[in-house]
Amino acid sequence: MKKLIALFAVSAMASTAAVASIALSGTASVSYDDNGSSASATTYDADLSIVGTAGSTTLTYGIDLTTPSTSSTVMATTIGPITVSADMHDETSLSTASGGQTLESTDTGVTVSLDAPIGDATIGLDNSGNITVSGTWAGVTISHTIKDGSDTTTGSASIAGMDVSLTNAGGASTWSIATTVSGVDLTLASSKKITAAFGLAGNTMTVSHIPAVATAAALIGTAAGTGANGYGTNAVTSAAAYSTVAISRDLTSGASLSATYKTSDDSLTLKASVAF
C-alpha cells in the first residue's frame, strides 16, 4: 500500500509539472482627436493576449477588451521537423470602407509546415490547398505561395545599408526601401509614401507624406473568392495627398505619449498608451 501511495505521489508531481505555463501581455490606449473644424472625438483601445504553453504546444488567445470579444485563437505544436498550426477564430474580413472587401472569407484553417533540409527552406500546406515555400539564402529571405488564381511572392534583403522588400501578388508588384541617413530613418514605398523619423528611441518625431488616392470602380467578387477579383472590393473614393507630423515620448511611468498633426483636416490627435 505504501508503495502505491508513493507511486501516486510521484505521478501527481509529474502531472503538476506538466501543467501549462500561462503568460499574459496586452496594450491599452486612449486617443483624443480635435478633428480640425469638425466635432472632436475620443477613442479607446485595450487588448489582452493569453499564451498557454505545455511542452511543444502553445495556445494563444487574444481578447479585444473594449468590445469585449475574441480577436484570435491559435494553437500550434511541433513534432520533430513538422509544425501544425490551427487558427480557430474566424476574424471579420468584411469591410464597408472605401476599397474594402465586400464578401466575407473564412479565416479558420490548419497549416502544416515542414522544415526541409534543402537550404533551410520551410514548406507549408494549409487546408485550402495553398503551398508555401520560404527560406533565407545568402542573406535574402524569399517566400512563395502557390494558390488558385493568384500566386504570391515576397522577398527582402539588406543591401549596402538599405532594407529592401518586394511583393508580387497575382502579377501586381509593390516594394519598399528603408535606410538611415545622418541619423534619420527614411522609408520610401512604391505607393509614393515617404516617412522620415528623427531622434532617439523613446523620443522621436516622424514626418510622413501620404500620396493622393485616385477614384476606382468597385470590383465584383465571388463568395468563394476564386475569381479574378477575389472577394470583391468597394469603389475607392479619391483623396488628396496630405502630410502628418507625429511626436512620441516614452515616460518613466512605462506609458508613452504622442501627438500627431494631419494637414488634410488640420487636426491634432493626442494619444496615451501603455504595453504590459
Protein backbone atom coordinates (compact mmCIF):
# COMPACT_ATOMS: atom_id res chain seq x y z
CA MET A 1 0.00 0.00 0.00
CA LYS A 2 2.82 2.43 0.88
CA LYS A 3 4.42 1.73 -2.50
CA LEU A 4 1.13 2.52 -4.24
CA ILE A 5 0.80 5.78 -2.27
CA ALA A 6 4.37 6.74 -3.12
CA LEU A 7 3.80 5.91 -6.79
CA PHE A 8 0.62 8.04 -6.81
CA ALA A 9 2.50 10.94 -5.20
CA VAL A 10 5.20 10.76 -7.90
CA SER A 11 2.54 10.66 -10.61
CA ALA A 12 0.78 13.67 -9.10
CA MET A 13 4.05 15.61 -9.02
CA ALA A 14 4.72 14.76 -12.68
CA SER A 15 1.24 15.86 -13.66
CA THR A 16 1.62 19.13 -11.77
CA ALA A 17 4.92 19.82 -13.51
CA ALA A 18 3.25 19.27 -16.88
CA VAL A 19 0.56 21.89 -16.27
CA ALA A 20 0.74 24.59 -18.93
CA SER A 21 2.51 27.82 -18.07
CA ILE A 22 0.47 30.96 -18.65
CA ALA A 23 1.84 34.29 -19.91
CA LEU A 24 -0.20 37.49 -20.07
CA SER A 25 0.52 40.60 -22.12
CA GLY A 26 -1.51 43.44 -23.51
CA THR A 27 -1.83 47.03 -24.62
CA ALA A 28 -4.19 49.89 -23.80
CA SER A 29 -4.56 53.38 -25.21
CA VAL A 30 -6.83 56.41 -25.28
CA SER A 31 -6.82 58.98 -28.08
CA TYR A 32 -8.32 62.44 -28.34
CA ASP A 33 -8.72 63.90 -31.84
CA ASP A 34 -9.90 67.50 -32.22
CA ASN A 35 -10.79 66.68 -35.88
CA GLY A 36 -9.96 70.19 -37.01
CA SER A 37 -13.16 72.11 -37.71
CA SER A 38 -15.34 69.01 -37.11
CA ALA A 39 -16.56 67.70 -33.77
CA SER A 40 -13.83 66.23 -31.57
CA ALA A 41 -13.79 62.54 -30.70
CA THR A 42 -12.26 60.29 -28.04
CA THR A 43 -11.48 56.63 -28.79
CA TYR A 44 -10.29 53.77 -26.61
CA ASP A 45 -8.49 50.51 -27.28
CA ALA A 46 -7.43 47.67 -24.97
CA ASP A 47 -6.21 44.22 -25.94
CA LEU A 48 -5.11 41.21 -23.90
CA SER A 49 -3.09 38.19 -25.05
CA ILE A 50 -3.05 34.92 -23.10
CA VAL A 51 -0.41 32.35 -24.06
CA GLY A 52 -0.53 28.88 -22.56
CA THR A 53 2.41 26.53 -23.14
CA ALA A 54 2.67 22.81 -22.42
CA GLY A 55 5.74 21.14 -23.84
CA SER A 56 5.97 21.97 -27.54
CA THR A 57 2.31 23.02 -27.80
CA THR A 58 1.19 26.64 -27.50
CA LEU A 59 -2.29 28.14 -27.37
CA THR A 60 -2.56 31.88 -27.99
CA TYR A 61 -5.84 33.63 -27.20
CA GLY A 62 -6.43 37.29 -27.98
CA ILE A 63 -9.21 39.42 -26.49
CA ASP A 64 -10.45 42.85 -27.54
CA LEU A 65 -11.33 44.25 -24.12
CA THR A 66 -13.25 47.26 -25.43
CA THR A 67 -15.95 45.09 -27.05
CA PRO A 68 -15.25 42.62 -25.34
CA SER A 69 -14.77 39.87 -27.92
CA THR A 70 -12.33 37.23 -29.12
CA SER A 71 -9.79 38.62 -31.58
CA SER A 72 -7.71 35.49 -32.21
CA THR A 73 -7.34 31.85 -31.15
CA VAL A 74 -4.39 29.88 -32.46
CA MET A 75 -2.98 26.53 -31.32
CA ALA A 76 0.40 25.36 -32.58
CA THR A 77 2.53 22.32 -31.87
CA THR A 78 5.84 20.97 -33.12
CA ILE A 79 6.55 17.31 -33.80
CA GLY A 80 10.12 16.91 -34.93
CA PRO A 81 10.56 18.91 -38.17
CA ILE A 82 6.78 19.34 -38.56
CA THR A 83 4.80 22.30 -37.18
CA VAL A 84 1.00 22.20 -37.10
CA SER A 85 -0.91 25.46 -36.56
CA ALA A 86 -4.69 25.69 -36.19
CA ASP A 87 -6.44 29.07 -36.48
CA MET A 88 -9.72 28.51 -34.64
CA HIS A 89 -11.20 32.02 -34.75
CA ASP A 90 -12.93 33.39 -37.84
CA GLU A 91 -11.89 37.04 -37.92
CA THR A 92 -14.10 39.54 -39.73
CA SER A 93 -12.54 40.30 -43.12
CA LEU A 94 -15.54 42.21 -44.46
CA SER A 95 -15.14 46.00 -44.65
CA THR A 96 -17.53 48.73 -45.73
CA ALA A 97 -14.73 51.29 -46.04
CA SER A 98 -13.59 52.77 -49.35
CA GLY A 99 -11.87 49.97 -51.27
CA GLY A 100 -12.68 47.43 -48.55
CA GLN A 101 -13.53 43.79 -49.15
CA THR A 102 -17.22 43.23 -49.95
CA LEU A 103 -17.63 39.47 -49.40
CA GLU A 104 -16.67 37.54 -46.28
CA SER A 105 -13.94 34.90 -46.31
CA THR A 106 -13.33 32.10 -43.83
CA ASP A 107 -10.18 32.73 -41.83
CA THR A 108 -10.11 29.50 -39.83
CA GLY A 109 -7.88 26.68 -41.01
CA VAL A 110 -4.96 24.38 -40.36
CA THR A 111 -1.44 24.80 -41.71
CA VAL A 112 1.20 22.08 -41.68
CA SER A 113 4.82 23.20 -42.17
CA LEU A 114 7.93 21.09 -42.73
CA ASP A 115 11.48 22.31 -42.14
CA ALA A 116 13.04 20.62 -45.15
CA PRO A 117 16.81 20.04 -45.32
CA ILE A 118 17.14 21.98 -48.59
CA GLY A 119 18.93 25.24 -47.89
CA ASP A 120 17.00 25.96 -44.68
CA ALA A 121 13.70 26.03 -46.58
CA THR A 122 10.32 25.59 -44.94
CA ILE A 123 7.46 24.02 -46.90
CA GLY A 124 3.91 24.67 -45.72
CA LEU A 125 0.50 23.33 -46.75
CA ASP A 126 -2.85 24.61 -45.48
CA ASN A 127 -6.31 23.07 -45.62
CA SER A 128 -7.31 25.24 -48.60
CA GLY A 129 -4.59 23.66 -50.72
CA ASN A 130 -2.16 26.61 -50.70
CA ILE A 131 1.52 25.63 -50.73
CA THR A 132 4.18 27.98 -49.33
CA VAL A 133 7.95 27.62 -49.70
CA SER A 134 10.10 30.06 -47.70
CA GLY A 135 13.66 30.40 -46.55
CA THR A 136 16.75 32.57 -46.38
CA TRP A 137 19.64 32.16 -48.77
CA ALA A 138 22.76 34.39 -48.86
CA GLY A 139 21.01 36.98 -46.70
CA VAL A 140 17.92 37.15 -48.92
CA THR A 141 14.59 35.99 -47.47
CA ILE A 142 12.10 34.68 -50.04
CA SER A 143 8.59 33.30 -49.64
CA HIS A 144 6.43 31.95 -52.48
CA THR A 145 2.81 30.88 -52.00
CA ILE A 146 1.11 28.84 -54.70
CA LYS A 147 -2.66 29.27 -54.62
CA ASP A 148 -5.57 29.07 -57.01
CA GLY A 149 -5.61 32.04 -59.38
CA SER A 150 -3.10 34.27 -57.61
CA ASP A 151 0.42 33.22 -56.58
CA THR A 152 2.25 35.49 -54.14
CA THR A 153 5.99 36.01 -53.88
CA THR A 154 7.76 38.16 -51.29
CA GLY A 155 11.45 38.91 -50.88
CA SER A 156 13.54 41.01 -48.52
CA ALA A 157 17.23 41.75 -48.07
CA SER A 158 19.66 44.25 -46.57
CA ILE A 159 21.89 45.65 -49.30
CA ALA A 160 24.53 48.32 -48.69
CA GLY A 161 22.73 49.66 -45.64
CA MET A 162 19.27 49.56 -47.25
CA ASP A 163 16.41 47.24 -46.25
CA VAL A 164 14.60 46.29 -49.45
CA SER A 165 11.32 44.36 -49.67
CA LEU A 166 9.39 43.28 -52.76
CA THR A 167 5.95 41.68 -53.11
CA ASN A 168 4.25 40.31 -56.21
CA ALA A 169 0.64 39.22 -55.74
CA GLY A 170 -1.18 37.93 -58.79
CA GLY A 171 1.08 39.92 -61.13
CA ALA A 172 0.90 43.24 -59.21
CA SER A 173 4.20 44.31 -57.62
CA THR A 174 4.87 46.58 -54.65
CA TRP A 175 8.15 47.49 -52.96
CA SER A 176 9.64 49.50 -50.11
CA ILE A 177 13.14 50.73 -49.26
CA ALA A 178 14.29 51.77 -45.79
CA THR A 179 17.65 53.28 -44.86
CA THR A 180 19.28 55.63 -42.38
CA VAL A 181 20.99 58.86 -43.45
CA SER A 182 22.73 61.08 -40.87
CA GLY A 183 20.64 59.57 -38.07
CA VAL A 184 17.35 59.97 -39.95
CA ASP A 185 15.38 56.79 -40.72
CA LEU A 186 13.89 57.10 -44.22
CA THR A 187 11.30 54.83 -45.86
CA LEU A 188 10.09 55.03 -49.46
CA ALA A 189 7.32 52.80 -50.84
CA SER A 190 6.05 52.13 -54.35
CA SER A 191 2.80 53.83 -53.32
CA LYS A 192 4.89 57.06 -53.15
CA LYS A 193 4.52 57.20 -49.38
CA ILE A 194 7.57 58.68 -47.66
CA THR A 195 8.39 58.71 -43.94
CA ALA A 196 11.32 60.22 -42.04
CA ALA A 197 11.94 59.53 -38.34
CA PHE A 198 14.23 61.72 -36.23
CA GLY A 199 15.52 61.36 -32.69
CA LEU A 200 16.46 58.54 -30.35
CA ALA A 201 14.44 55.54 -29.22
CA GLY A 202 11.69 56.69 -26.89
CA ASN A 203 11.79 60.30 -28.07
CA THR A 204 11.09 60.60 -31.79
CA MET A 205 9.48 62.79 -34.41
CA THR A 206 8.16 61.17 -37.60
CA VAL A 207 7.21 63.13 -40.70
CA SER A 208 5.14 61.31 -43.34
CA HIS A 209 3.77 62.17 -46.76
CA ILE A 210 0.74 60.13 -47.86
CA PRO A 211 0.10 60.22 -51.62
CA ALA A 212 -3.19 61.04 -53.30
CA VAL A 213 -5.67 58.24 -53.95
CA ALA A 214 -7.41 58.02 -57.31
CA THR A 215 -11.03 57.02 -57.78
CA ALA A 216 -11.52 53.35 -58.65
CA ALA A 217 -14.62 51.40 -59.61
CA ALA A 218 -15.96 48.56 -57.48
CA LEU A 219 -14.79 45.03 -58.27
CA ILE A 220 -17.38 42.26 -58.22
CA GLY A 221 -16.09 39.16 -56.45
CA THR A 222 -17.43 35.73 -55.52
CA ALA A 223 -18.38 34.18 -52.20
CA ALA A 224 -15.58 31.65 -52.63
CA GLY A 225 -13.06 34.31 -53.61
CA THR A 226 -11.84 32.20 -56.52
CA GLY A 227 -12.48 34.65 -59.37
CA ALA A 228 -10.14 37.26 -60.83
CA ASN A 229 -11.46 39.86 -58.35
CA GLY A 230 -11.24 37.59 -55.30
CA TYR A 231 -13.91 38.53 -52.75
CA GLY A 232 -14.54 41.86 -54.44
CA THR A 233 -13.92 45.41 -53.26
CA ASN A 234 -15.96 48.56 -52.78
CA ALA A 235 -15.38 51.56 -55.01
CA VAL A 236 -12.41 53.70 -53.98
CA THR A 237 -13.12 57.32 -53.09
CA SER A 238 -10.49 59.77 -54.28
CA ALA A 239 -8.47 61.64 -51.65
CA ALA A 240 -5.90 64.40 -51.89
CA ALA A 241 -2.32 63.93 -50.71
CA TYR A 242 -1.54 65.04 -47.17
CA SER A 243 1.25 65.01 -44.59
CA THR A 244 1.48 64.13 -40.90
CA VAL A 245 3.91 65.05 -38.13
CA ALA A 246 3.97 62.76 -35.08
CA ILE A 247 5.96 63.32 -31.89
CA SER A 248 6.27 60.40 -29.46
CA ARG A 249 7.78 60.29 -25.98
CA ASP A 250 8.25 57.35 -23.60
CA LEU A 251 7.63 58.19 -19.93
CA THR A 252 9.41 56.74 -16.89
CA SER A 253 6.00 55.51 -15.72
CA GLY A 254 6.00 52.97 -18.56
CA ALA A 255 3.42 54.79 -20.65
CA SER A 256 4.05 56.69 -23.87
CA LEU A 257 2.53 59.90 -25.18
CA SER A 258 2.19 61.01 -28.80
CA ALA A 259 0.82 63.99 -30.68
CA THR A 260 0.01 63.77 -34.41
CA TYR A 261 -0.86 66.68 -36.67
CA LYS A 262 -2.55 65.95 -40.04
CA THR A 263 -2.71 68.53 -42.82
CA SER A 264 -5.72 67.02 -44.62
CA ASP A 265 -8.18 68.29 -41.98
CA ASP A 266 -5.89 70.45 -39.83
CA SER A 267 -6.43 68.07 -36.90
CA LEU A 268 -4.37 67.20 -33.84
CA THR A 269 -4.57 63.80 -32.16
CA LEU A 270 -3.24 63.19 -28.64
CA LYS A 271 -2.69 59.58 -27.59
CA ALA A 272 -1.60 57.92 -24.35
CA SER A 273 -0.74 54.22 -24.45
CA VAL A 274 0.84 51.51 -22.35
CA ALA A 275 2.05 47.97 -23.03
CA PHE A 276 2.33 45.29 -20.35
